[in-house]
Structure formats: C-alpha cells, structure tokens
Amino acid sequence: MIRIGLMSDTHGVLPDQLFEYFQKVDEIWHAGDIGSVSVADSLESFKPFRAVYGNVDGNELRARYPLDLRFRVEDLAVWMTHIGGYPGKYAPSVAPRIRAQPPGLFISGHSHILKIIPDPALGLLHINPGACGNEGWHRARTLVRFSVEAGRVLNPEVIELPRNGPIQSR
C-alpha cells in the first residue's frame, strides 16, 4: 500500500498546513500550475514527488516535468495531466487517448473545482484535487489524500484549507 498526497494549482504558493497534512504520505503528486521552481523544490525536498506542468508554468518547469504523466503504482495505471476535463466532458486533447487506453485513475487540475467521480463507461476514477493556491475564484483551498493498494484507490479524503489562510511564498 502507498499513501498519496494530491494537489494542483498552487500558483507559486504553498499552504503552511500542507506539510502537516502530507506528513504521513509516501508520495506527493501535483497536477500542474505549480507556479514557481521554488515550490517544486520545496515539495521535492519534502517527499518523493511526481508532477506535470500546467498552463501557467514557465519554461524551467516545463523542462523539468511532462505535460502528461502515465505510470503504474501498486498495480494501478495512473494518468495525470493538467487540462483533462472530466467524465462526459474530457478535454479534446485527452478524449481520444483516454478512450483508446483508459487508466484506472485519471487525475487533472486546471478548473480549481474539486471532483472525485467515477467514469463507469471507461471503468476509471477521476480526481481533480481543486486548487490549493490563492490564485483563482475558488473559496477554499483543497488537497486530497488517498491510498492505493492492489490496483484500487482507497479512502479518498478531502482536506479543505481556509481561502486566506497562511501561505509560504517559496
């Protein structure tokens, strides 16, 4: 079993509480719009880190992380991208590829809208962790924690942070 801390749309800031909430995870995954190299460095130095770049990320982050990241963990096929849409409304760049080769877990960010929903047509689970930075119209900053074991996502947990709570510019 592996424990995951999932986040997106930090836009260059990290909630102070993130380090507390992700203390017991094994890996941190970031679904894009990291916003600064210093945020990526802080997360990489804290825990093993997987990320994709988002539309606000500059050349240095784009050189460091891919647009799409497909991998397997605990017998679960995972696909993470920043602009992916959601079941029934996948982004045009994603739709044909996800239908041709659906993962067990599809993760995207970008919308700043927290969603954890199944796609029964493709047999996958979609997670958008919302946004944990302060940029955007969202009222709460959110993170998601879950475990993966034997090809299944277990115990997804939403963590809601106050919209204007303490942050660290990194």
N, C-alpha and C. Protein backbone atom coordinates (compact mmCIF):
# COMPACT_ATOMS: atom_id res chain seq x y z
N MET A 1 0.85 -1.18 0.00
CA MET A 1 0.00 0.00 0.00
C MET A 1 0.89 1.24 0.00
N ILE A 2 0.45 2.23 -0.78
CA ILE A 2 1.15 3.51 -0.83
C ILE A 2 0.15 4.62 -0.53
N ARG A 3 0.59 5.60 0.25
CA ARG A 3 -0.27 6.75 0.60
C ARG A 3 0.15 7.96 -0.24
N ILE A 4 -0.86 8.62 -0.83
CA ILE A 4 -0.61 9.71 -1.77
C ILE A 4 -1.21 11.00 -1.24
N GLY A 5 -0.48 12.10 -1.40
CA GLY A 5 -0.99 13.44 -1.20
C GLY A 5 -1.10 14.09 -2.57
N LEU A 6 -2.29 14.51 -2.94
CA LEU A 6 -2.54 15.05 -4.28
C LEU A 6 -2.92 16.53 -4.19
N MET A 7 -2.36 17.31 -5.11
CA MET A 7 -2.61 18.75 -5.11
C MET A 7 -2.54 19.27 -6.53
N SER A 8 -3.02 20.50 -6.71
CA SER A 8 -2.95 21.17 -8.00
C SER A 8 -3.05 22.67 -7.79
N ASP A 9 -2.66 23.39 -8.81
CA ASP A 9 -2.89 24.83 -8.88
C ASP A 9 -2.40 25.59 -7.65
N THR A 10 -1.13 25.40 -7.33
CA THR A 10 -0.52 26.16 -6.24
C THR A 10 -0.20 27.59 -6.67
N HIS A 11 0.05 27.79 -7.95
CA HIS A 11 0.32 29.13 -8.50
C HIS A 11 1.40 29.87 -7.71
N GLY A 12 2.44 29.14 -7.30
CA GLY A 12 3.59 29.78 -6.67
C GLY A 12 3.55 29.92 -5.17
N VAL A 13 2.51 29.41 -4.52
CA VAL A 13 2.46 29.47 -3.05
C VAL A 13 2.08 28.11 -2.48
N LEU A 14 2.54 27.85 -1.28
CA LEU A 14 2.21 26.61 -0.58
C LEU A 14 1.52 26.92 0.74
N PRO A 15 0.40 26.27 1.01
CA PRO A 15 -0.22 26.43 2.33
C PRO A 15 0.72 25.88 3.40
N ASP A 16 0.91 26.61 4.48
CA ASP A 16 1.75 26.11 5.58
C ASP A 16 1.29 24.74 6.05
N GLN A 17 -0.03 24.52 6.09
CA GLN A 17 -0.59 23.29 6.63
C GLN A 17 -0.28 22.06 5.76
N LEU A 18 0.08 22.27 4.50
CA LEU A 18 0.36 21.15 3.61
C LEU A 18 1.38 20.20 4.22
N PHE A 19 2.42 20.73 4.81
CA PHE A 19 3.48 19.89 5.35
C PHE A 19 2.99 19.05 6.52
N GLU A 20 2.04 19.55 7.26
CA GLU A 20 1.41 18.77 8.33
C GLU A 20 0.50 17.70 7.75
N TYR A 21 -0.39 18.10 6.82
CA TYR A 21 -1.36 17.15 6.26
C TYR A 21 -0.71 16.07 5.42
N PHE A 22 0.43 16.35 4.82
CA PHE A 22 1.11 15.37 3.97
C PHE A 22 2.28 14.69 4.69
N GLN A 23 2.39 14.89 6.00
CA GLN A 23 3.50 14.30 6.76
C GLN A 23 3.55 12.78 6.62
N LYS A 24 2.39 12.13 6.61
CA LYS A 24 2.37 10.66 6.61
C LYS A 24 2.12 10.04 5.24
N VAL A 25 2.17 10.84 4.16
CA VAL A 25 2.05 10.26 2.83
C VAL A 25 3.40 9.77 2.36
N ASP A 26 3.37 8.85 1.40
CA ASP A 26 4.61 8.32 0.84
C ASP A 26 5.10 9.13 -0.36
N GLU A 27 4.15 9.67 -1.12
CA GLU A 27 4.48 10.47 -2.30
C GLU A 27 3.52 11.65 -2.39
N ILE A 28 3.98 12.73 -3.03
CA ILE A 28 3.12 13.86 -3.37
C ILE A 28 3.03 13.94 -4.89
N TRP A 29 1.80 14.09 -5.38
CA TRP A 29 1.55 14.26 -6.81
C TRP A 29 0.95 15.65 -7.02
N HIS A 30 1.42 16.34 -8.05
CA HIS A 30 0.95 17.70 -8.34
C HIS A 30 0.42 17.73 -9.78
N ALA A 31 -0.84 18.11 -9.95
CA ALA A 31 -1.50 18.09 -11.26
C ALA A 31 -1.38 19.42 -12.00
N GLY A 32 -0.27 20.12 -11.86
CA GLY A 32 0.04 21.27 -12.68
C GLY A 32 -0.33 22.63 -12.13
N ASP A 33 0.18 23.65 -12.82
CA ASP A 33 0.16 25.04 -12.36
C ASP A 33 0.88 25.16 -11.02
N ILE A 34 2.09 24.65 -11.03
CA ILE A 34 2.96 24.72 -9.85
C ILE A 34 3.28 26.18 -9.55
N GLY A 35 3.66 26.91 -10.58
CA GLY A 35 3.80 28.36 -10.45
C GLY A 35 5.20 28.87 -10.19
N SER A 36 6.05 28.08 -9.58
CA SER A 36 7.43 28.52 -9.36
C SER A 36 8.33 27.31 -9.10
N VAL A 37 9.57 27.47 -9.48
CA VAL A 37 10.56 26.41 -9.25
C VAL A 37 10.76 26.20 -7.75
N SER A 38 10.68 27.26 -6.97
CA SER A 38 10.89 27.12 -5.53
C SER A 38 9.81 26.26 -4.88
N VAL A 39 8.56 26.33 -5.37
CA VAL A 39 7.50 25.45 -4.85
C VAL A 39 7.85 23.99 -5.17
N ALA A 40 8.26 23.74 -6.41
CA ALA A 40 8.64 22.38 -6.80
C ALA A 40 9.82 21.89 -5.94
N ASP A 41 10.81 22.74 -5.74
CA ASP A 41 11.98 22.36 -4.92
C ASP A 41 11.56 22.02 -3.49
N SER A 42 10.67 22.81 -2.91
CA SER A 42 10.21 22.56 -1.54
C SER A 42 9.51 21.20 -1.44
N LEU A 43 8.66 20.93 -2.41
CA LEU A 43 7.92 19.66 -2.39
C LEU A 43 8.84 18.47 -2.65
N GLU A 44 9.77 18.62 -3.59
CA GLU A 44 10.72 17.54 -3.87
C GLU A 44 11.62 17.24 -2.68
N SER A 45 11.96 18.26 -1.92
CA SER A 45 12.83 18.02 -0.76
C SER A 45 12.06 17.44 0.43
N PHE A 46 10.74 17.53 0.38
CA PHE A 46 9.90 17.04 1.48
C PHE A 46 9.54 15.56 1.31
N LYS A 47 9.12 15.17 0.12
CA LYS A 47 8.67 13.79 -0.15
C LYS A 47 8.99 13.44 -1.60
N PRO A 48 9.01 12.15 -1.94
CA PRO A 48 9.07 11.80 -3.37
C PRO A 48 7.92 12.49 -4.10
N PHE A 49 8.23 13.02 -5.29
CA PHE A 49 7.33 13.97 -5.94
C PHE A 49 7.17 13.63 -7.41
N ARG A 50 5.90 13.60 -7.87
CA ARG A 50 5.59 13.45 -9.29
C ARG A 50 4.73 14.64 -9.67
N ALA A 51 4.97 15.18 -10.86
CA ALA A 51 4.22 16.36 -11.28
C ALA A 51 4.12 16.44 -12.79
N VAL A 52 3.14 17.21 -13.23
CA VAL A 52 3.01 17.62 -14.62
C VAL A 52 3.00 19.14 -14.63
N TYR A 53 3.36 19.72 -15.77
CA TYR A 53 3.29 21.17 -15.83
C TYR A 53 1.90 21.61 -16.27
N GLY A 54 1.54 22.83 -15.89
CA GLY A 54 0.26 23.41 -16.27
C GLY A 54 0.45 24.64 -17.14
N ASN A 55 -0.65 25.24 -17.52
CA ASN A 55 -0.62 26.36 -18.46
C ASN A 55 0.07 27.61 -17.91
N VAL A 56 0.18 27.78 -16.59
CA VAL A 56 0.89 28.96 -16.07
C VAL A 56 2.37 28.69 -15.82
N ASP A 57 2.81 27.46 -15.97
CA ASP A 57 4.19 27.11 -15.66
C ASP A 57 5.13 27.52 -16.79
N GLY A 58 6.26 28.11 -16.40
CA GLY A 58 7.23 28.60 -17.36
C GLY A 58 8.14 27.50 -17.90
N ASN A 59 9.09 27.94 -18.71
CA ASN A 59 9.97 27.00 -19.41
C ASN A 59 10.77 26.09 -18.49
N GLU A 60 11.20 26.62 -17.34
CA GLU A 60 12.02 25.80 -16.44
C GLU A 60 11.20 24.63 -15.88
N LEU A 61 9.95 24.88 -15.50
CA LEU A 61 9.10 23.79 -15.01
C LEU A 61 8.68 22.86 -16.14
N ARG A 62 8.47 23.41 -17.34
CA ARG A 62 8.11 22.58 -18.49
C ARG A 62 9.27 21.66 -18.89
N ALA A 63 10.49 22.10 -18.68
CA ALA A 63 11.65 21.26 -18.97
C ALA A 63 11.80 20.16 -17.91
N ARG A 64 11.33 20.42 -16.75
CA ARG A 64 11.50 19.51 -15.61
C ARG A 64 10.42 18.45 -15.53
N TYR A 65 9.18 18.82 -15.90
CA TYR A 65 8.04 17.91 -15.77
C TYR A 65 7.33 17.79 -17.11
N PRO A 66 6.68 16.64 -17.35
CA PRO A 66 5.97 16.45 -18.63
C PRO A 66 4.58 17.07 -18.61
N LEU A 67 3.98 17.16 -19.80
CA LEU A 67 2.59 17.59 -19.93
C LEU A 67 1.66 16.49 -19.44
N ASP A 68 1.97 15.26 -19.81
CA ASP A 68 1.21 14.07 -19.39
C ASP A 68 2.16 13.12 -18.70
N LEU A 69 1.69 12.51 -17.65
CA LEU A 69 2.50 11.53 -16.93
C LEU A 69 1.66 10.28 -16.74
N ARG A 70 2.10 9.19 -17.37
CA ARG A 70 1.45 7.89 -17.21
C ARG A 70 2.42 6.99 -16.47
N PHE A 71 1.91 6.31 -15.45
CA PHE A 71 2.76 5.43 -14.65
C PHE A 71 1.87 4.40 -13.95
N ARG A 72 2.51 3.43 -13.34
CA ARG A 72 1.80 2.42 -12.55
C ARG A 72 2.30 2.49 -11.12
N VAL A 73 1.37 2.33 -10.20
CA VAL A 73 1.72 2.26 -8.79
C VAL A 73 0.78 1.25 -8.14
N GLU A 74 1.35 0.29 -7.44
CA GLU A 74 0.55 -0.75 -6.76
C GLU A 74 -0.49 -1.36 -7.72
N ASP A 75 -0.05 -1.72 -8.93
CA ASP A 75 -0.90 -2.33 -9.96
C ASP A 75 -2.02 -1.44 -10.47
N LEU A 76 -1.92 -0.15 -10.26
CA LEU A 76 -2.92 0.80 -10.77
C LEU A 76 -2.29 1.65 -11.87
N ALA A 77 -2.93 1.68 -13.03
CA ALA A 77 -2.49 2.57 -14.11
C ALA A 77 -3.01 3.97 -13.81
N VAL A 78 -2.11 4.94 -13.81
CA VAL A 78 -2.44 6.33 -13.48
C VAL A 78 -2.05 7.21 -14.67
N TRP A 79 -2.92 8.16 -14.97
CA TRP A 79 -2.60 9.19 -15.96
C TRP A 79 -2.89 10.53 -15.31
N MET A 80 -1.86 11.39 -15.27
CA MET A 80 -2.02 12.72 -14.70
C MET A 80 -1.67 13.75 -15.77
N THR A 81 -2.53 14.75 -15.92
CA THR A 81 -2.33 15.86 -16.83
C THR A 81 -3.00 17.08 -16.23
N HIS A 82 -2.66 18.25 -16.70
CA HIS A 82 -3.25 19.45 -16.09
C HIS A 82 -4.65 19.74 -16.64
N ILE A 83 -4.77 19.84 -17.95
CA ILE A 83 -6.05 20.15 -18.56
C ILE A 83 -6.62 18.86 -19.14
N GLY A 84 -7.51 18.23 -18.39
CA GLY A 84 -8.02 16.93 -18.80
C GLY A 84 -9.52 16.84 -18.88
N GLY A 85 -10.23 17.80 -18.31
CA GLY A 85 -11.68 17.69 -18.27
C GLY A 85 -12.11 16.65 -17.24
N TYR A 86 -13.27 16.07 -17.46
CA TYR A 86 -13.81 15.10 -16.51
C TYR A 86 -14.79 14.19 -17.24
N PRO A 87 -15.23 13.10 -16.62
CA PRO A 87 -16.10 12.16 -17.31
C PRO A 87 -17.29 12.85 -17.99
N GLY A 88 -17.47 12.49 -19.25
CA GLY A 88 -18.52 13.08 -20.06
C GLY A 88 -18.09 14.37 -20.75
N LYS A 89 -17.02 14.99 -20.28
CA LYS A 89 -16.52 16.24 -20.88
C LYS A 89 -14.99 16.28 -20.84
N TYR A 90 -14.36 15.22 -21.34
CA TYR A 90 -12.90 15.23 -21.39
C TYR A 90 -12.42 16.28 -22.38
N ALA A 91 -11.27 16.87 -22.11
CA ALA A 91 -10.67 17.86 -23.00
C ALA A 91 -10.41 17.22 -24.36
N PRO A 92 -10.55 17.99 -25.44
CA PRO A 92 -10.35 17.44 -26.78
C PRO A 92 -8.99 16.78 -26.97
N SER A 93 -7.95 17.28 -26.30
CA SER A 93 -6.62 16.69 -26.42
C SER A 93 -6.52 15.34 -25.70
N VAL A 94 -7.43 15.09 -24.79
CA VAL A 94 -7.40 13.88 -23.97
C VAL A 94 -8.40 12.83 -24.44
N ALA A 95 -9.56 13.26 -24.89
CA ALA A 95 -10.69 12.35 -25.15
C ALA A 95 -10.34 11.13 -25.99
N PRO A 96 -9.73 11.26 -27.16
CA PRO A 96 -9.47 10.04 -27.95
C PRO A 96 -8.46 9.12 -27.29
N ARG A 97 -7.47 9.71 -26.60
CA ARG A 97 -6.43 8.88 -25.96
C ARG A 97 -6.97 8.17 -24.72
N ILE A 98 -7.85 8.81 -23.98
CA ILE A 98 -8.37 8.16 -22.77
C ILE A 98 -9.33 7.03 -23.15
N ARG A 99 -10.06 7.22 -24.25
CA ARG A 99 -10.95 6.15 -24.71
C ARG A 99 -10.15 4.96 -25.26
N ALA A 100 -9.05 5.25 -25.92
CA ALA A 100 -8.22 4.19 -26.50
C ALA A 100 -7.46 3.39 -25.44
N GLN A 101 -7.05 4.07 -24.38
CA GLN A 101 -6.26 3.41 -23.34
C GLN A 101 -6.59 4.01 -21.97
N PRO A 102 -7.77 3.66 -21.43
CA PRO A 102 -8.16 4.26 -20.15
C PRO A 102 -7.29 3.75 -18.99
N PRO A 103 -6.88 4.66 -18.12
CA PRO A 103 -6.18 4.25 -16.91
C PRO A 103 -7.20 3.84 -15.85
N GLY A 104 -6.74 3.35 -14.74
CA GLY A 104 -7.63 3.09 -13.61
C GLY A 104 -7.93 4.37 -12.84
N LEU A 105 -6.97 5.32 -12.87
CA LEU A 105 -7.09 6.60 -12.18
C LEU A 105 -6.66 7.70 -13.13
N PHE A 106 -7.55 8.67 -13.36
CA PHE A 106 -7.26 9.82 -14.21
C PHE A 106 -7.29 11.07 -13.33
N ILE A 107 -6.18 11.81 -13.32
CA ILE A 107 -6.03 12.99 -12.47
C ILE A 107 -5.81 14.20 -13.36
N SER A 108 -6.55 15.26 -13.08
CA SER A 108 -6.31 16.53 -13.75
C SER A 108 -6.53 17.67 -12.77
N GLY A 109 -6.09 18.86 -13.17
CA GLY A 109 -6.28 20.05 -12.36
C GLY A 109 -7.00 21.10 -13.19
N HIS A 110 -6.50 22.31 -13.19
CA HIS A 110 -6.88 23.42 -14.05
C HIS A 110 -8.19 24.12 -13.68
N SER A 111 -9.25 23.39 -13.42
CA SER A 111 -10.57 24.02 -13.21
C SER A 111 -10.71 24.66 -11.84
N HIS A 112 -9.87 24.28 -10.89
CA HIS A 112 -9.97 24.72 -9.49
C HIS A 112 -11.24 24.15 -8.84
N ILE A 113 -11.85 23.16 -9.47
CA ILE A 113 -13.08 22.55 -8.94
C ILE A 113 -12.75 21.14 -8.47
N LEU A 114 -12.89 20.91 -7.18
CA LEU A 114 -12.64 19.59 -6.59
C LEU A 114 -13.68 18.60 -7.10
N LYS A 115 -13.21 17.47 -7.64
CA LYS A 115 -14.11 16.41 -8.09
C LYS A 115 -13.45 15.06 -7.84
N ILE A 116 -14.22 14.15 -7.30
CA ILE A 116 -13.81 12.75 -7.20
C ILE A 116 -15.01 11.97 -7.72
N ILE A 117 -14.93 11.54 -8.98
CA ILE A 117 -16.10 10.91 -9.60
C ILE A 117 -15.68 9.73 -10.47
N PRO A 118 -16.48 8.67 -10.45
CA PRO A 118 -16.19 7.53 -11.31
C PRO A 118 -16.64 7.80 -12.74
N ASP A 119 -15.99 7.15 -13.68
CA ASP A 119 -16.43 7.12 -15.06
C ASP A 119 -16.75 5.66 -15.37
N PRO A 120 -18.00 5.24 -15.16
CA PRO A 120 -18.34 3.84 -15.38
C PRO A 120 -18.17 3.41 -16.84
N ALA A 121 -18.30 4.34 -17.78
CA ALA A 121 -18.15 4.00 -19.19
C ALA A 121 -16.73 3.54 -19.50
N LEU A 122 -15.74 4.14 -18.84
CA LEU A 122 -14.35 3.78 -19.08
C LEU A 122 -13.75 2.97 -17.94
N GLY A 123 -14.51 2.76 -16.87
CA GLY A 123 -14.02 1.97 -15.74
C GLY A 123 -12.88 2.62 -15.00
N LEU A 124 -12.94 3.93 -14.84
CA LEU A 124 -11.87 4.63 -14.14
C LEU A 124 -12.43 5.55 -13.06
N LEU A 125 -11.55 6.02 -12.21
CA LEU A 125 -11.88 7.03 -11.22
C LEU A 125 -11.18 8.31 -11.64
N HIS A 126 -11.91 9.42 -11.62
CA HIS A 126 -11.33 10.73 -11.95
C HIS A 126 -11.22 11.54 -10.65
N ILE A 127 -10.03 12.14 -10.46
CA ILE A 127 -9.84 13.05 -9.32
C ILE A 127 -9.25 14.36 -9.83
N ASN A 128 -9.91 15.44 -9.48
CA ASN A 128 -9.36 16.78 -9.61
C ASN A 128 -9.29 17.31 -8.18
N PRO A 129 -8.07 17.57 -7.67
CA PRO A 129 -7.97 17.98 -6.26
C PRO A 129 -8.37 19.42 -5.99
N GLY A 130 -8.89 20.12 -6.98
CA GLY A 130 -9.22 21.53 -6.78
C GLY A 130 -7.95 22.36 -6.83
N ALA A 131 -7.88 23.41 -6.07
CA ALA A 131 -6.71 24.29 -6.06
C ALA A 131 -6.29 24.55 -4.62
N CYS A 132 -4.97 24.57 -4.38
CA CYS A 132 -4.54 24.89 -3.02
C CYS A 132 -3.74 26.18 -2.96
N GLY A 133 -3.65 26.89 -4.06
CA GLY A 133 -3.05 28.22 -4.05
C GLY A 133 -4.12 29.28 -3.83
N ASN A 134 -3.72 30.53 -3.88
CA ASN A 134 -4.67 31.62 -3.67
C ASN A 134 -5.16 32.24 -4.97
N GLU A 135 -4.55 31.93 -6.11
CA GLU A 135 -4.98 32.48 -7.40
C GLU A 135 -6.25 31.79 -7.85
N GLY A 136 -7.23 32.56 -8.29
CA GLY A 136 -8.45 31.97 -8.84
C GLY A 136 -9.68 32.33 -8.02
N TRP A 137 -10.80 31.84 -8.47
CA TRP A 137 -12.09 32.20 -7.89
C TRP A 137 -12.55 31.25 -6.78
N HIS A 138 -11.84 30.16 -6.55
CA HIS A 138 -12.27 29.17 -5.54
C HIS A 138 -12.30 29.80 -4.15
N ARG A 139 -13.23 29.33 -3.34
CA ARG A 139 -13.36 29.89 -1.98
C ARG A 139 -12.54 29.14 -0.95
N ALA A 140 -12.27 27.87 -1.21
CA ALA A 140 -11.47 27.07 -0.29
C ALA A 140 -10.30 26.47 -1.05
N ARG A 141 -9.19 26.37 -0.38
CA ARG A 141 -8.04 25.66 -0.95
C ARG A 141 -8.17 24.21 -0.53
N THR A 142 -7.96 23.30 -1.48
CA THR A 142 -8.18 21.89 -1.18
C THR A 142 -6.99 21.03 -1.56
N LEU A 143 -6.86 19.95 -0.82
CA LEU A 143 -5.89 18.88 -1.05
C LEU A 143 -6.67 17.57 -0.97
N VAL A 144 -6.10 16.51 -1.51
CA VAL A 144 -6.72 15.18 -1.41
C VAL A 144 -5.65 14.20 -0.96
N ARG A 145 -6.03 13.34 -0.03
CA ARG A 145 -5.17 12.22 0.38
C ARG A 145 -5.92 10.93 0.08
N PHE A 146 -5.17 9.90 -0.32
CA PHE A 146 -5.77 8.58 -0.55
C PHE A 146 -4.66 7.54 -0.53
N SER A 147 -5.07 6.29 -0.52
CA SER A 147 -4.13 5.18 -0.61
C SER A 147 -4.40 4.40 -1.88
N VAL A 148 -3.37 3.71 -2.35
CA VAL A 148 -3.51 2.81 -3.49
C VAL A 148 -2.99 1.46 -3.05
N GLU A 149 -3.80 0.44 -3.29
CA GLU A 149 -3.41 -0.93 -2.95
C GLU A 149 -4.08 -1.88 -3.93
N ALA A 150 -3.29 -2.81 -4.44
CA ALA A 150 -3.80 -3.87 -5.33
C ALA A 150 -4.68 -3.29 -6.46
N GLY A 151 -4.21 -2.20 -7.07
CA GLY A 151 -4.91 -1.63 -8.21
C GLY A 151 -6.14 -0.82 -7.89
N ARG A 152 -6.34 -0.48 -6.62
CA ARG A 152 -7.55 0.27 -6.22
C ARG A 152 -7.19 1.51 -5.42
N VAL A 153 -7.98 2.56 -5.61
CA VAL A 153 -7.88 3.76 -4.80
C VAL A 153 -8.74 3.54 -3.56
N LEU A 154 -8.14 3.76 -2.40
CA LEU A 154 -8.83 3.53 -1.14
C LEU A 154 -8.88 4.80 -0.30
N ASN A 155 -9.97 4.99 0.40
CA ASN A 155 -10.12 6.03 1.41
C ASN A 155 -9.76 7.44 0.95
N PRO A 156 -10.33 7.91 -0.17
CA PRO A 156 -10.03 9.30 -0.55
C PRO A 156 -10.55 10.27 0.51
N GLU A 157 -9.73 11.24 0.83
CA GLU A 157 -10.05 12.20 1.89
C GLU A 157 -9.79 13.61 1.38
N VAL A 158 -10.77 14.47 1.46
CA VAL A 158 -10.63 15.86 1.06
C VAL A 158 -10.20 16.68 2.27
N ILE A 159 -9.20 17.51 2.07
CA ILE A 159 -8.74 18.42 3.11
C ILE A 159 -9.03 19.83 2.62
N GLU A 160 -9.82 20.56 3.38
CA GLU A 160 -10.17 21.92 2.99
C GLU A 160 -9.42 22.90 3.87
N LEU A 161 -8.72 23.81 3.24
CA LEU A 161 -7.96 24.84 3.92
C LEU A 161 -8.69 26.17 3.77
N PRO A 162 -8.61 27.07 4.73
CA PRO A 162 -9.26 28.37 4.58
C PRO A 162 -8.72 29.10 3.35
N ARG A 163 -9.57 29.82 2.67
CA ARG A 163 -9.21 30.52 1.44
C ARG A 163 -8.06 31.50 1.66
N ASN A 164 -8.04 32.18 2.76
CA ASN A 164 -6.99 33.16 3.02
C ASN A 164 -6.13 32.79 4.20
N GLY A 165 -5.92 31.49 4.37
CA GLY A 165 -5.08 31.02 5.47
C GLY A 165 -3.60 31.31 5.20
N PRO A 166 -2.74 30.95 6.15
CA PRO A 166 -1.32 31.26 5.98
C PRO A 166 -0.72 30.50 4.82
N ILE A 167 0.15 31.18 4.09
CA ILE A 167 0.86 30.57 2.97
C ILE A 167 2.33 30.94 3.07
N GLN A 168 3.11 30.18 2.34
CA GLN A 168 4.53 30.49 2.21
C GLN A 168 4.80 30.73 0.74
N SER A 169 5.29 31.88 0.39
CA SER A 169 5.78 32.08 -0.96
C SER A 169 7.14 31.44 -1.00
N ARG A 170 7.32 30.54 -1.94
CA ARG A 170 8.58 29.80 -2.00
C ARG A 170 9.21 29.92 -3.35
